[in-house]
Amino acid sequence: MKQLRIEIVGVTPPSFVKTTKGGYNILEIAYKSDGKVTGKKILDFVNQASYNILVNAKAGDIFDVEAEKNEKGYFDWTSVVPGSAAVATSGVEASSETSKVPPSRGRVIGNTYETPEERAVKQAAIIRQATINMAIAYANGAPEATLAAICAMARQFEDHVYTDLAARAEALLNIPSDLKK
């Protein structure tokens, strides 16, 4: 028997799967356990009580789960009991940023890759921090090294970095036309 404490990240609306003998309901959930985000399909015929509890779950809910391996080697959730958020953090204060996972939009998600826009913002912040560090190192205790002067110098460094990047990108665009000659 395996015991888990999970935090719900997202739950899909239940769907009905039709079979020759009638059918069954299926519920897909994304949950966080031990710092990892995972997904699980909950079938109503495996454990009706667990299914009934999880069908009403919403993001942020905490549950204590007992799981047992079935004859096929998969873990079935045999017991699902609502837990408390205070216990889930093991004595550490709960954070408002417990999960970096974006909203599930009705689907179980498994990756947290950054979008191109998020990556561009992060890279711009890295460049800005590096130019500030260089401006501080360049000033190195000079008497005229005020905050405004360091920020202005950092802005000049940042402009130089971006100007250089634009020139290099433009040069790369011209390479194919140079090769055609």
Protein backbone atom coordinates (compact mmCIF):
# COMPACT_ATOMS: atom_id res chain seq x y z
CA MET A 1 0.00 0.00 0.00
CA LYS A 2 1.23 3.46 -0.91
CA GLN A 3 0.12 6.69 0.74
CA LEU A 4 0.22 10.06 -1.02
CA ARG A 5 -0.68 13.61 -0.19
CA ILE A 6 -1.75 15.38 -3.36
CA GLU A 7 -2.67 18.91 -4.34
CA ILE A 8 -5.07 19.18 -7.25
CA VAL A 9 -3.74 21.28 -10.14
CA GLY A 10 -6.61 20.72 -12.57
CA VAL A 11 -9.61 18.46 -13.20
CA THR A 12 -11.31 17.76 -16.52
CA PRO A 13 -15.07 17.53 -16.66
CA PRO A 14 -16.16 13.87 -16.48
CA SER A 15 -16.71 12.13 -19.79
CA PHE A 16 -18.64 8.98 -20.63
CA VAL A 17 -16.96 6.17 -22.55
CA LYS A 18 -19.44 3.92 -24.33
CA THR A 19 -18.73 0.18 -24.43
CA THR A 20 -20.62 -2.88 -25.62
CA LYS A 21 -21.71 -3.57 -22.03
CA GLY A 22 -22.89 -0.02 -21.38
CA GLY A 23 -20.04 2.29 -20.48
CA TYR A 24 -18.21 4.08 -17.72
CA ASN A 25 -17.28 7.58 -16.61
CA ILE A 26 -13.71 8.83 -16.71
CA LEU A 27 -12.16 11.80 -14.94
CA GLU A 28 -8.67 13.13 -15.66
CA ILE A 29 -6.84 15.02 -12.94
CA ALA A 30 -3.50 16.77 -12.73
CA TYR A 31 -2.01 16.74 -9.27
CA LYS A 32 1.15 17.70 -7.46
CA SER A 33 2.80 15.25 -5.08
CA ASP A 34 6.32 15.48 -3.64
CA GLY A 35 7.02 18.48 -5.88
CA LYS A 36 6.16 16.64 -9.11
CA VAL A 37 3.12 17.31 -11.28
CA THR A 38 1.50 14.14 -12.63
CA GLY A 39 -1.76 13.13 -14.24
CA LYS A 40 -4.12 10.25 -13.49
CA LYS A 41 -7.28 8.92 -15.03
CA ILE A 42 -9.95 7.99 -12.48
CA LEU A 43 -12.52 5.44 -13.67
CA ASP A 44 -15.83 5.21 -11.85
CA PHE A 45 -15.99 1.41 -11.98
CA VAL A 46 -12.59 0.96 -10.26
CA ASN A 47 -13.54 2.83 -7.07
CA GLN A 48 -16.86 4.66 -7.10
CA ALA A 49 -16.22 6.41 -3.76
CA SER A 50 -12.89 7.91 -4.91
CA TYR A 51 -14.45 8.97 -8.21
CA ASN A 52 -17.37 10.68 -6.41
CA ILE A 53 -15.00 12.68 -4.20
CA LEU A 54 -12.65 13.74 -7.01
CA VAL A 55 -15.41 14.69 -9.47
CA ASN A 56 -16.05 17.80 -7.32
CA ALA A 57 -12.37 18.63 -6.70
CA LYS A 58 -10.95 21.93 -7.83
CA ALA A 59 -7.45 23.38 -8.19
CA GLY A 60 -5.74 23.84 -4.83
CA ASP A 61 -7.68 21.11 -3.00
CA ILE A 62 -5.56 18.75 -0.88
CA PHE A 63 -6.29 15.01 -0.54
CA ASP A 64 -4.79 12.04 1.27
CA VAL A 65 -4.71 9.06 -1.09
CA GLU A 66 -4.09 5.37 -0.46
CA ALA A 67 -3.07 3.40 -3.53
CA GLU A 68 -2.65 -0.33 -4.12
CA LYS A 69 -1.12 -2.10 -7.07
CA ASN A 70 -3.63 -4.14 -9.08
CA GLU A 71 -2.93 -7.43 -10.83
CA LYS A 72 -1.84 -5.58 -13.98
CA GLY A 73 0.79 -3.58 -12.05
CA TYR A 74 -1.04 -0.24 -12.01
CA PHE A 75 -1.78 1.75 -8.86
CA ASP A 76 -5.51 2.08 -8.11
CA TRP A 77 -6.54 4.76 -5.66
CA THR A 78 -8.46 2.78 -3.07
CA SER A 79 -9.12 5.65 -0.68
CA VAL A 80 -9.32 9.42 -1.21
CA VAL A 81 -9.87 11.64 1.84
CA PRO A 82 -9.85 15.46 1.88
CA GLY A 83 -6.73 16.76 3.67
CA SER A 84 -5.67 20.13 4.97
CA ALA A 85 -3.27 22.56 3.32
CA ALA A 86 -1.40 23.17 6.59
CA VAL A 87 -0.45 19.51 6.91
CA ALA A 88 0.48 19.26 3.23
CA THR A 89 3.32 21.73 3.62
CA SER A 90 4.83 19.70 6.50
CA GLY A 91 5.03 22.55 8.97
CA VAL A 92 6.26 25.12 6.45
CA GLU A 93 4.03 28.10 5.83
CA ALA A 94 1.90 27.70 2.73
CA SER A 95 3.06 29.77 -0.21
CA SER A 96 0.81 31.48 -2.71
CA GLU A 97 3.11 30.12 -5.42
CA THR A 98 2.85 26.42 -4.59
CA SER A 99 2.71 25.50 -8.26
CA LYS A 100 4.25 27.06 -11.35
CA VAL A 101 1.89 25.09 -13.57
CA PRO A 102 -0.36 27.17 -15.82
CA PRO A 103 -4.14 26.68 -15.60
CA SER A 104 -5.17 23.33 -17.06
CA ARG A 105 -7.92 24.64 -19.39
CA GLY A 106 -9.84 21.38 -18.93
CA ARG A 107 -6.96 19.06 -19.81
CA VAL A 108 -4.32 17.26 -17.80
CA ILE A 109 -1.01 18.84 -18.61
CA GLY A 110 2.43 17.44 -18.10
CA ASN A 111 4.91 20.12 -19.10
CA THR A 112 5.76 23.52 -17.78
CA TYR A 113 7.94 24.72 -20.65
CA GLU A 114 8.12 28.46 -20.98
CA THR A 115 6.51 30.12 -23.95
CA PRO A 116 8.66 32.11 -26.40
CA GLU A 117 7.29 35.33 -24.88
CA GLU A 118 8.19 34.24 -21.33
CA ARG A 119 11.67 33.24 -22.51
CA ALA A 120 12.19 36.65 -24.19
CA VAL A 121 11.16 38.47 -21.00
CA LYS A 122 13.49 36.29 -18.93
CA GLN A 123 16.41 36.87 -21.32
CA ALA A 124 15.80 40.64 -21.26
CA ALA A 125 15.86 40.58 -17.45
CA ILE A 126 19.13 38.62 -17.50
CA ILE A 127 20.71 41.13 -19.89
CA ARG A 128 19.48 44.05 -17.81
CA GLN A 129 20.90 42.54 -14.59
CA ALA A 130 24.23 41.81 -16.27
CA THR A 131 24.53 45.38 -17.58
CA ILE A 132 23.77 46.78 -14.13
CA ASN A 133 26.48 44.55 -12.65
CA MET A 134 28.93 45.74 -15.33
CA ALA A 135 28.05 49.38 -14.67
CA ILE A 136 28.70 48.92 -10.95
CA ALA A 137 32.02 47.18 -11.67
CA TYR A 138 32.96 49.90 -14.17
CA ALA A 139 32.19 52.68 -11.68
CA ASN A 140 34.13 50.80 -8.96
CA GLY A 141 33.77 53.36 -6.19
CA ALA A 142 34.25 56.50 -8.29
CA PRO A 143 33.03 59.61 -6.44
CA GLU A 144 30.57 60.48 -9.23
CA ALA A 145 29.04 56.95 -9.03
CA THR A 146 25.53 57.89 -7.99
CA LEU A 147 22.57 55.63 -8.51
CA ALA A 148 21.41 57.75 -11.45
CA ALA A 149 24.86 57.65 -13.06
CA ILE A 150 25.12 53.86 -12.66
CA CYS A 151 21.61 53.37 -14.12
CA ALA A 152 22.46 55.63 -17.08
CA MET A 153 25.69 53.71 -17.67
CA ALA A 154 23.83 50.39 -17.43
CA ARG A 155 21.30 51.67 -19.99
CA GLN A 156 24.19 52.51 -22.36
CA PHE A 157 25.60 49.00 -21.94
CA GLU A 158 22.16 47.50 -22.53
CA ASP A 159 21.65 49.58 -25.69
CA HIS A 160 25.08 48.46 -26.92
CA VAL A 161 24.20 44.79 -26.34
CA TYR A 162 20.89 45.05 -28.18
CA THR A 163 22.43 47.10 -31.03
CA ASP A 164 25.11 44.46 -31.43
CA LEU A 165 22.48 41.72 -31.47
CA ALA A 166 20.46 43.49 -34.15
CA ALA A 167 23.57 44.00 -36.32
CA ARG A 168 24.58 40.34 -35.98
CA ALA A 169 21.06 39.17 -36.81
CA GLU A 170 21.03 41.41 -39.89
CA ALA A 171 24.41 40.01 -40.95
CA LEU A 172 23.09 36.46 -40.60
CA LEU A 173 20.13 37.30 -42.83
CA ASN A 174 22.50 38.46 -45.58
CA ILE A 175 24.61 35.29 -45.57
CA PRO A 176 22.36 33.29 -47.92
CA SER A 177 22.34 36.11 -50.49
CA ASP A 178 26.15 36.37 -50.25
CA LEU A 179 26.45 32.64 -50.93
CA LYS A 180 24.36 32.92 -54.10
CA LYS A 181 26.91 35.27 -55.73
